[in-house]
Amino acid sequence: MFLQTQFSVFLVNKPGVLATVTDALARAKVNIIALTLMDSMEHGVLRIVCDNAGAAREVLGRCHDRWTETDVIVLELSNEPGAFAKIAGKLAEAHINISYAYSTGGAHGGRTTAVFKVADMKKAQKLLEGERPGRKKGDGIVKTPPKH
C-alpha cells in the first residue's frame, strides 16, 4: 500500500482528445499504472495514476490546461474474486468512506492494481499498512512507494 498522486484531467468529449494526452505521456516515457474515464455529454474526466508523478505533471502542464491532482491509496491485489471486496470491507468496518475507487483488469491468476480515494487518508493508511506480502492469496497489499 502506498500513497500516490492521481491526476484528474478534464477532457472535451470529442475524438482524439484522450489519444493526445495519453500519447504525450507515452512519448515522455511515463507509464500509466491505473486509469479510468468518466463522461458526461460535454466533457470527460480522465483519472490516472502514473509511475512518475513529477514527469506526468510536467507533461500535463505542457499539453493540457485543465487538470487537478490529489493523493490516493494504491494497492496491489490478487486478481481473484473478493480481493477488492476485502479492502472495501476493511475500510467500511473502520467507518472510512470511499469517495470513489477503480482498478486495473489484471491478468488471469495474476495481480491487479486498485486505487481508492477515501475521506480519511491517514486513518486508511494506518488501517491498511498492516497488510504484508507473503500472506495467503488475496490477502493483500504488496507494493512499496516508488523511488523518484
N, C-alpha and C. Protein backbone atom coordinates (compact mmCIF):
# COMPACT_ATOMS: atom_id res chain seq x y z
N MET A 1 0.85 -1.17 0.00
CA MET A 1 0.00 0.00 0.00
C MET A 1 0.88 1.22 0.00
N PHE A 2 0.53 2.19 -0.81
CA PHE A 2 1.23 3.45 -0.76
C PHE A 2 0.34 4.58 -1.27
N LEU A 3 0.70 5.78 -0.88
CA LEU A 3 0.03 6.96 -1.40
C LEU A 3 0.68 7.32 -2.73
N GLN A 4 -0.14 7.74 -3.67
CA GLN A 4 0.36 8.14 -4.97
C GLN A 4 -0.46 9.33 -5.44
N THR A 5 0.10 10.10 -6.33
CA THR A 5 -0.61 11.23 -6.91
C THR A 5 -1.50 10.74 -8.04
N GLN A 6 -2.75 11.15 -8.00
CA GLN A 6 -3.69 10.88 -9.09
C GLN A 6 -3.97 12.19 -9.80
N PHE A 7 -3.95 12.16 -11.11
CA PHE A 7 -4.28 13.34 -11.90
C PHE A 7 -5.68 13.16 -12.46
N SER A 8 -6.50 14.20 -12.32
CA SER A 8 -7.83 14.23 -12.94
C SER A 8 -7.74 15.25 -14.06
N VAL A 9 -7.86 14.75 -15.28
CA VAL A 9 -7.70 15.58 -16.47
C VAL A 9 -9.07 15.76 -17.10
N PHE A 10 -9.50 17.00 -17.27
CA PHE A 10 -10.82 17.30 -17.80
C PHE A 10 -10.72 17.44 -19.31
N LEU A 11 -11.42 16.57 -20.03
CA LEU A 11 -11.30 16.46 -21.47
C LEU A 11 -12.59 16.87 -22.17
N VAL A 12 -12.46 17.57 -23.28
CA VAL A 12 -13.60 17.83 -24.15
C VAL A 12 -13.98 16.49 -24.77
N ASN A 13 -15.26 16.19 -24.83
CA ASN A 13 -15.73 14.91 -25.32
C ASN A 13 -15.80 14.91 -26.84
N LYS A 14 -14.62 14.72 -27.49
CA LYS A 14 -14.57 14.62 -28.94
C LYS A 14 -13.39 13.74 -29.34
N PRO A 15 -13.42 13.18 -30.54
CA PRO A 15 -12.38 12.25 -30.97
C PRO A 15 -10.97 12.85 -30.91
N GLY A 16 -10.03 12.05 -30.42
CA GLY A 16 -8.63 12.42 -30.43
C GLY A 16 -8.10 13.08 -29.18
N VAL A 17 -8.97 13.57 -28.31
CA VAL A 17 -8.50 14.28 -27.12
C VAL A 17 -7.81 13.32 -26.15
N LEU A 18 -8.42 12.20 -25.87
CA LEU A 18 -7.80 11.20 -24.99
C LEU A 18 -6.49 10.70 -25.59
N ALA A 19 -6.47 10.45 -26.88
CA ALA A 19 -5.25 9.99 -27.55
C ALA A 19 -4.13 11.01 -27.43
N THR A 20 -4.43 12.28 -27.53
CA THR A 20 -3.41 13.33 -27.44
C THR A 20 -2.75 13.33 -26.07
N VAL A 21 -3.55 13.24 -25.01
CA VAL A 21 -3.00 13.27 -23.65
C VAL A 21 -2.19 12.00 -23.37
N THR A 22 -2.73 10.85 -23.68
CA THR A 22 -2.02 9.60 -23.39
C THR A 22 -0.78 9.44 -24.27
N ASP A 23 -0.82 9.95 -25.49
CA ASP A 23 0.36 9.90 -26.36
C ASP A 23 1.47 10.80 -25.81
N ALA A 24 1.11 11.97 -25.30
CA ALA A 24 2.12 12.87 -24.72
C ALA A 24 2.81 12.20 -23.53
N LEU A 25 2.05 11.50 -22.70
CA LEU A 25 2.65 10.76 -21.58
C LEU A 25 3.55 9.64 -22.09
N ALA A 26 3.10 8.92 -23.09
CA ALA A 26 3.90 7.82 -23.65
C ALA A 26 5.21 8.32 -24.24
N ARG A 27 5.16 9.41 -24.98
CA ARG A 27 6.38 9.96 -25.59
C ARG A 27 7.38 10.40 -24.53
N ALA A 28 6.89 10.78 -23.34
CA ALA A 28 7.77 11.19 -22.24
C ALA A 28 8.17 9.98 -21.39
N LYS A 29 7.79 8.78 -21.82
CA LYS A 29 8.12 7.53 -21.11
C LYS A 29 7.49 7.46 -19.72
N VAL A 30 6.32 8.06 -19.58
CA VAL A 30 5.56 8.00 -18.33
C VAL A 30 4.56 6.85 -18.46
N ASN A 31 4.68 5.85 -17.59
CA ASN A 31 3.80 4.70 -17.63
C ASN A 31 2.55 4.97 -16.80
N ILE A 32 1.40 4.66 -17.36
CA ILE A 32 0.13 4.78 -16.64
C ILE A 32 -0.10 3.47 -15.88
N ILE A 33 -0.18 3.57 -14.55
CA ILE A 33 -0.38 2.40 -13.69
C ILE A 33 -1.85 2.02 -13.63
N ALA A 34 -2.72 3.02 -13.54
CA ALA A 34 -4.17 2.79 -13.49
C ALA A 34 -4.87 3.96 -14.15
N LEU A 35 -6.03 3.68 -14.73
CA LEU A 35 -6.75 4.70 -15.49
C LEU A 35 -8.24 4.43 -15.42
N THR A 36 -9.01 5.50 -15.35
CA THR A 36 -10.46 5.41 -15.51
C THR A 36 -10.91 6.67 -16.24
N LEU A 37 -11.97 6.54 -17.01
CA LEU A 37 -12.51 7.67 -17.76
C LEU A 37 -14.02 7.68 -17.58
N MET A 38 -14.52 8.82 -17.12
CA MET A 38 -15.97 9.01 -16.96
C MET A 38 -16.38 10.10 -17.93
N ASP A 39 -17.61 10.02 -18.39
CA ASP A 39 -18.03 11.06 -19.33
C ASP A 39 -19.39 11.62 -18.97
N SER A 40 -19.62 12.83 -19.47
CA SER A 40 -20.94 13.43 -19.48
C SER A 40 -21.17 13.82 -20.94
N MET A 41 -22.18 14.54 -21.22
CA MET A 41 -22.44 14.90 -22.62
C MET A 41 -21.35 15.81 -23.19
N GLU A 42 -20.82 16.72 -22.39
CA GLU A 42 -19.89 17.72 -22.90
C GLU A 42 -18.42 17.44 -22.63
N HIS A 43 -18.12 16.73 -21.55
CA HIS A 43 -16.72 16.53 -21.19
C HIS A 43 -16.53 15.17 -20.50
N GLY A 44 -15.27 14.80 -20.38
CA GLY A 44 -14.92 13.59 -19.66
C GLY A 44 -13.89 13.91 -18.60
N VAL A 45 -13.79 13.05 -17.62
CA VAL A 45 -12.76 13.19 -16.59
C VAL A 45 -11.90 11.93 -16.65
N LEU A 46 -10.66 12.11 -17.03
CA LEU A 46 -9.67 11.05 -17.08
C LEU A 46 -8.92 11.06 -15.76
N ARG A 47 -8.99 9.97 -15.02
CA ARG A 47 -8.22 9.85 -13.78
C ARG A 47 -7.11 8.85 -14.03
N ILE A 48 -5.87 9.28 -13.75
CA ILE A 48 -4.72 8.42 -13.99
C ILE A 48 -3.75 8.48 -12.82
N VAL A 49 -3.12 7.34 -12.58
CA VAL A 49 -2.01 7.23 -11.65
C VAL A 49 -0.84 6.76 -12.50
N CYS A 50 0.28 7.46 -12.41
CA CYS A 50 1.44 7.17 -13.25
C CYS A 50 2.63 6.75 -12.40
N ASP A 51 3.61 6.14 -13.03
CA ASP A 51 4.79 5.68 -12.31
C ASP A 51 5.72 6.82 -11.90
N ASN A 52 5.56 7.99 -12.49
CA ASN A 52 6.40 9.14 -12.18
C ASN A 52 5.53 10.39 -12.17
N ALA A 53 5.05 10.78 -10.99
CA ALA A 53 4.14 11.91 -10.88
C ALA A 53 4.78 13.21 -11.34
N GLY A 54 6.06 13.41 -11.05
CA GLY A 54 6.73 14.64 -11.46
C GLY A 54 6.77 14.79 -12.97
N ALA A 55 7.11 13.71 -13.66
CA ALA A 55 7.15 13.75 -15.12
C ALA A 55 5.74 13.91 -15.70
N ALA A 56 4.76 13.24 -15.11
CA ALA A 56 3.38 13.36 -15.57
C ALA A 56 2.90 14.81 -15.39
N ARG A 57 3.22 15.41 -14.28
CA ARG A 57 2.85 16.80 -14.01
C ARG A 57 3.44 17.73 -15.07
N GLU A 58 4.69 17.50 -15.41
CA GLU A 58 5.37 18.31 -16.43
C GLU A 58 4.70 18.15 -17.79
N VAL A 59 4.40 16.92 -18.18
CA VAL A 59 3.75 16.65 -19.46
C VAL A 59 2.37 17.30 -19.51
N LEU A 60 1.57 17.10 -18.47
CA LEU A 60 0.23 17.70 -18.44
C LEU A 60 0.30 19.22 -18.48
N GLY A 61 1.29 19.79 -17.83
CA GLY A 61 1.46 21.24 -17.85
C GLY A 61 1.73 21.78 -19.25
N ARG A 62 2.38 20.96 -20.06
CA ARG A 62 2.69 21.38 -21.44
C ARG A 62 1.55 21.10 -22.42
N CYS A 63 0.84 19.96 -22.22
CA CYS A 63 -0.10 19.54 -23.26
C CYS A 63 -1.57 19.77 -22.94
N HIS A 64 -1.88 20.15 -21.71
CA HIS A 64 -3.29 20.29 -21.35
C HIS A 64 -3.45 21.39 -20.32
N ASP A 65 -4.58 22.08 -20.35
CA ASP A 65 -4.75 23.22 -19.45
C ASP A 65 -5.72 23.00 -18.30
N ARG A 66 -6.44 21.88 -18.27
CA ARG A 66 -7.44 21.67 -17.23
C ARG A 66 -7.24 20.33 -16.55
N TRP A 67 -6.52 20.33 -15.41
CA TRP A 67 -6.30 19.12 -14.64
C TRP A 67 -6.03 19.50 -13.19
N THR A 68 -6.28 18.53 -12.31
CA THR A 68 -6.00 18.70 -10.88
C THR A 68 -5.27 17.44 -10.41
N GLU A 69 -4.78 17.49 -9.19
CA GLU A 69 -4.14 16.30 -8.62
C GLU A 69 -4.55 16.14 -7.18
N THR A 70 -4.55 14.89 -6.74
CA THR A 70 -4.91 14.56 -5.36
C THR A 70 -4.19 13.27 -4.97
N ASP A 71 -4.05 13.04 -3.68
CA ASP A 71 -3.46 11.79 -3.19
C ASP A 71 -4.52 10.70 -3.16
N VAL A 72 -4.11 9.51 -3.54
CA VAL A 72 -4.97 8.34 -3.48
C VAL A 72 -4.17 7.18 -2.88
N ILE A 73 -4.88 6.18 -2.41
CA ILE A 73 -4.24 4.96 -1.92
C ILE A 73 -4.20 3.97 -3.07
N VAL A 74 -3.01 3.43 -3.31
CA VAL A 74 -2.81 2.45 -4.38
C VAL A 74 -2.38 1.12 -3.76
N LEU A 75 -3.06 0.06 -4.16
CA LEU A 75 -2.79 -1.27 -3.62
C LEU A 75 -2.62 -2.27 -4.76
N GLU A 76 -1.76 -3.22 -4.56
CA GLU A 76 -1.68 -4.34 -5.49
C GLU A 76 -2.41 -5.51 -4.85
N LEU A 77 -3.36 -6.06 -5.58
CA LEU A 77 -4.20 -7.15 -5.06
C LEU A 77 -4.10 -8.36 -5.97
N SER A 78 -4.44 -9.51 -5.43
CA SER A 78 -4.58 -10.70 -6.25
C SER A 78 -5.77 -10.50 -7.17
N ASN A 79 -5.65 -10.98 -8.39
CA ASN A 79 -6.75 -10.89 -9.34
C ASN A 79 -7.65 -12.12 -9.17
N GLU A 80 -8.48 -12.05 -8.12
CA GLU A 80 -9.38 -13.16 -7.80
C GLU A 80 -10.62 -12.60 -7.12
N PRO A 81 -11.72 -13.35 -7.15
CA PRO A 81 -12.94 -12.88 -6.51
C PRO A 81 -12.73 -12.54 -5.04
N GLY A 82 -13.21 -11.38 -4.63
CA GLY A 82 -13.18 -10.99 -3.23
C GLY A 82 -12.01 -10.14 -2.81
N ALA A 83 -10.96 -10.02 -3.61
CA ALA A 83 -9.78 -9.24 -3.20
C ALA A 83 -10.14 -7.76 -3.01
N PHE A 84 -10.86 -7.19 -3.96
CA PHE A 84 -11.28 -5.79 -3.86
C PHE A 84 -12.29 -5.63 -2.73
N ALA A 85 -13.22 -6.56 -2.63
CA ALA A 85 -14.26 -6.51 -1.59
C ALA A 85 -13.66 -6.55 -0.20
N LYS A 86 -12.58 -7.30 -0.02
CA LYS A 86 -11.93 -7.39 1.29
C LYS A 86 -11.44 -6.01 1.74
N ILE A 87 -10.81 -5.28 0.85
CA ILE A 87 -10.30 -3.95 1.20
C ILE A 87 -11.46 -2.99 1.45
N ALA A 88 -12.46 -3.03 0.56
CA ALA A 88 -13.64 -2.17 0.76
C ALA A 88 -14.32 -2.48 2.10
N GLY A 89 -14.37 -3.76 2.47
CA GLY A 89 -14.96 -4.16 3.75
C GLY A 89 -14.16 -3.67 4.94
N LYS A 90 -12.83 -3.76 4.85
CA LYS A 90 -11.99 -3.26 5.94
C LYS A 90 -12.20 -1.76 6.15
N LEU A 91 -12.27 -1.03 5.05
CA LEU A 91 -12.50 0.42 5.15
C LEU A 91 -13.88 0.70 5.74
N ALA A 92 -14.88 -0.05 5.32
CA ALA A 92 -16.24 0.14 5.84
C ALA A 92 -16.31 -0.15 7.33
N GLU A 93 -15.68 -1.24 7.76
CA GLU A 93 -15.68 -1.60 9.18
C GLU A 93 -15.04 -0.51 10.04
N ALA A 94 -14.07 0.21 9.46
CA ALA A 94 -13.40 1.29 10.19
C ALA A 94 -14.12 2.63 9.99
N HIS A 95 -15.28 2.60 9.34
CA HIS A 95 -16.08 3.80 9.09
C HIS A 95 -15.32 4.83 8.25
N ILE A 96 -14.57 4.34 7.26
CA ILE A 96 -13.86 5.21 6.33
C ILE A 96 -14.63 5.21 5.02
N ASN A 97 -15.14 6.37 4.63
CA ASN A 97 -15.92 6.48 3.41
C ASN A 97 -15.02 6.43 2.18
N ILE A 98 -15.42 5.64 1.19
CA ILE A 98 -14.73 5.59 -0.10
C ILE A 98 -15.45 6.55 -1.03
N SER A 99 -14.76 7.61 -1.43
CA SER A 99 -15.36 8.59 -2.35
C SER A 99 -15.51 7.98 -3.74
N TYR A 100 -14.47 7.29 -4.19
CA TYR A 100 -14.52 6.53 -5.44
C TYR A 100 -13.34 5.58 -5.46
N ALA A 101 -13.41 4.59 -6.35
CA ALA A 101 -12.35 3.61 -6.48
C ALA A 101 -12.40 3.04 -7.89
N TYR A 102 -11.27 2.51 -8.34
CA TYR A 102 -11.20 1.83 -9.62
C TYR A 102 -10.01 0.89 -9.60
N SER A 103 -9.97 -0.01 -10.56
CA SER A 103 -8.85 -0.95 -10.59
C SER A 103 -8.49 -1.30 -12.03
N THR A 104 -7.29 -1.85 -12.18
CA THR A 104 -6.87 -2.35 -13.48
C THR A 104 -7.50 -3.72 -13.69
N GLY A 105 -7.45 -4.20 -14.91
CA GLY A 105 -8.03 -5.51 -15.20
C GLY A 105 -7.22 -6.66 -14.64
N GLY A 106 -5.93 -6.59 -14.73
CA GLY A 106 -5.09 -7.67 -14.24
C GLY A 106 -5.15 -8.91 -15.12
N ALA A 107 -4.11 -9.67 -15.10
CA ALA A 107 -4.06 -10.91 -15.87
C ALA A 107 -4.75 -12.02 -15.07
N HIS A 108 -5.31 -12.99 -15.77
CA HIS A 108 -5.97 -14.11 -15.11
C HIS A 108 -4.98 -14.79 -14.16
N GLY A 109 -5.36 -14.87 -12.90
CA GLY A 109 -4.50 -15.50 -11.91
C GLY A 109 -3.35 -14.63 -11.45
N GLY A 110 -3.25 -13.42 -11.97
CA GLY A 110 -2.14 -12.54 -11.64
C GLY A 110 -2.50 -11.49 -10.60
N ARG A 111 -2.01 -10.29 -10.82
CA ARG A 111 -2.21 -9.19 -9.89
C ARG A 111 -3.02 -8.08 -10.56
N THR A 112 -3.65 -7.25 -9.75
CA THR A 112 -4.38 -6.09 -10.22
C THR A 112 -4.04 -4.91 -9.31
N THR A 113 -4.13 -3.71 -9.83
CA THR A 113 -3.87 -2.51 -9.05
C THR A 113 -5.19 -1.83 -8.76
N ALA A 114 -5.44 -1.53 -7.49
CA ALA A 114 -6.67 -0.85 -7.07
C ALA A 114 -6.32 0.53 -6.54
N VAL A 115 -7.17 1.50 -6.86
CA VAL A 115 -6.98 2.89 -6.44
C VAL A 115 -8.20 3.30 -5.63
N PHE A 116 -7.96 3.86 -4.45
CA PHE A 116 -9.04 4.31 -3.57
C PHE A 116 -8.84 5.76 -3.19
N LYS A 117 -9.88 6.57 -3.36
CA LYS A 117 -9.92 7.93 -2.83
C LYS A 117 -10.86 7.85 -1.63
N VAL A 118 -10.32 8.10 -0.44
CA VAL A 118 -11.11 7.96 0.78
C VAL A 118 -11.19 9.28 1.52
N ALA A 119 -12.17 9.38 2.40
CA ALA A 119 -12.40 10.60 3.16
C ALA A 119 -11.31 10.86 4.20
N ASP A 120 -10.79 9.82 4.81
CA ASP A 120 -9.77 9.97 5.86
C ASP A 120 -8.52 9.18 5.47
N MET A 121 -7.61 9.85 4.74
CA MET A 121 -6.42 9.18 4.21
C MET A 121 -5.52 8.64 5.32
N LYS A 122 -5.32 9.42 6.38
CA LYS A 122 -4.42 8.98 7.45
C LYS A 122 -4.94 7.74 8.15
N LYS A 123 -6.24 7.73 8.43
CA LYS A 123 -6.84 6.57 9.10
C LYS A 123 -6.77 5.34 8.18
N ALA A 124 -7.03 5.53 6.90
CA ALA A 124 -6.97 4.41 5.95
C ALA A 124 -5.55 3.88 5.82
N GLN A 125 -4.57 4.77 5.76
CA GLN A 125 -3.18 4.33 5.68
C GLN A 125 -2.82 3.47 6.88
N LYS A 126 -3.17 3.96 8.06
CA LYS A 126 -2.85 3.21 9.28
C LYS A 126 -3.53 1.84 9.28
N LEU A 127 -4.78 1.80 8.84
CA LEU A 127 -5.54 0.55 8.79
C LEU A 127 -4.92 -0.44 7.81
N LEU A 128 -4.51 0.03 6.65
CA LEU A 128 -4.07 -0.86 5.59
C LEU A 128 -2.57 -1.17 5.59
N GLU A 129 -1.78 -0.41 6.34
CA GLU A 129 -0.34 -0.66 6.29
C GLU A 129 0.07 -1.93 7.01
N GLY A 130 -0.81 -2.55 7.75
CA GLY A 130 -0.51 -3.82 8.40
C GLY A 130 -0.49 -4.99 7.45
N GLU A 131 -1.05 -4.81 6.25
CA GLU A 131 -1.06 -5.87 5.24
C GLU A 131 0.35 -6.03 4.70
N ARG A 132 0.81 -7.26 4.56
CA ARG A 132 2.17 -7.53 4.07
C ARG A 132 2.15 -8.63 3.04
N PRO A 133 3.15 -8.63 2.14
CA PRO A 133 3.26 -9.72 1.18
C PRO A 133 3.53 -11.04 1.89
N GLY A 134 3.23 -12.12 1.22
CA GLY A 134 3.50 -13.43 1.78
C GLY A 134 2.31 -14.02 2.52
N ARG A 135 1.27 -13.24 2.67
CA ARG A 135 0.06 -13.79 3.27
C ARG A 135 -0.67 -14.62 2.24
N LYS A 136 -1.73 -15.26 2.66
CA LYS A 136 -2.44 -16.12 1.72
C LYS A 136 -2.99 -15.31 0.55
N LYS A 137 -3.21 -15.98 -0.54
CA LYS A 137 -3.66 -15.37 -1.79
C LYS A 137 -4.88 -14.49 -1.55
N GLY A 138 -4.84 -13.27 -2.12
CA GLY A 138 -5.97 -12.35 -1.98
C GLY A 138 -5.93 -11.53 -0.72
N ASP A 139 -4.94 -11.76 0.12
CA ASP A 139 -4.90 -11.12 1.42
C ASP A 139 -4.23 -9.76 1.38
N GLY A 140 -3.76 -9.34 0.22
CA GLY A 140 -3.31 -8.03 0.43
C GLY A 140 -2.44 -7.23 -0.42
N ILE A 141 -1.81 -6.39 0.30
CA ILE A 141 -1.14 -5.24 -0.23
C ILE A 141 0.34 -5.54 -0.27
N VAL A 142 0.94 -5.36 -1.43
CA VAL A 142 2.33 -5.75 -1.53
C VAL A 142 3.24 -4.68 -2.10
N LYS A 143 2.70 -3.58 -2.53
CA LYS A 143 3.55 -2.56 -3.15
C LYS A 143 4.23 -1.68 -2.12
N THR A 144 5.36 -1.14 -2.51
CA THR A 144 6.03 -0.13 -1.72
C THR A 144 6.16 1.12 -2.56
N PRO A 145 6.37 2.28 -1.96
CA PRO A 145 6.43 3.51 -2.75
C PRO A 145 7.57 3.47 -3.74
N PRO A 146 7.31 3.96 -4.97
CA PRO A 146 8.40 4.02 -5.94
C PRO A 146 9.38 5.11 -5.55
N LYS A 147 10.64 4.94 -5.89
CA LYS A 147 11.68 5.94 -5.63
C LYS A 147 11.84 6.82 -6.85
N HIS A 148 11.73 8.13 -6.67
CA HIS A 148 11.89 9.07 -7.79
C HIS A 148 12.94 10.10 -7.44
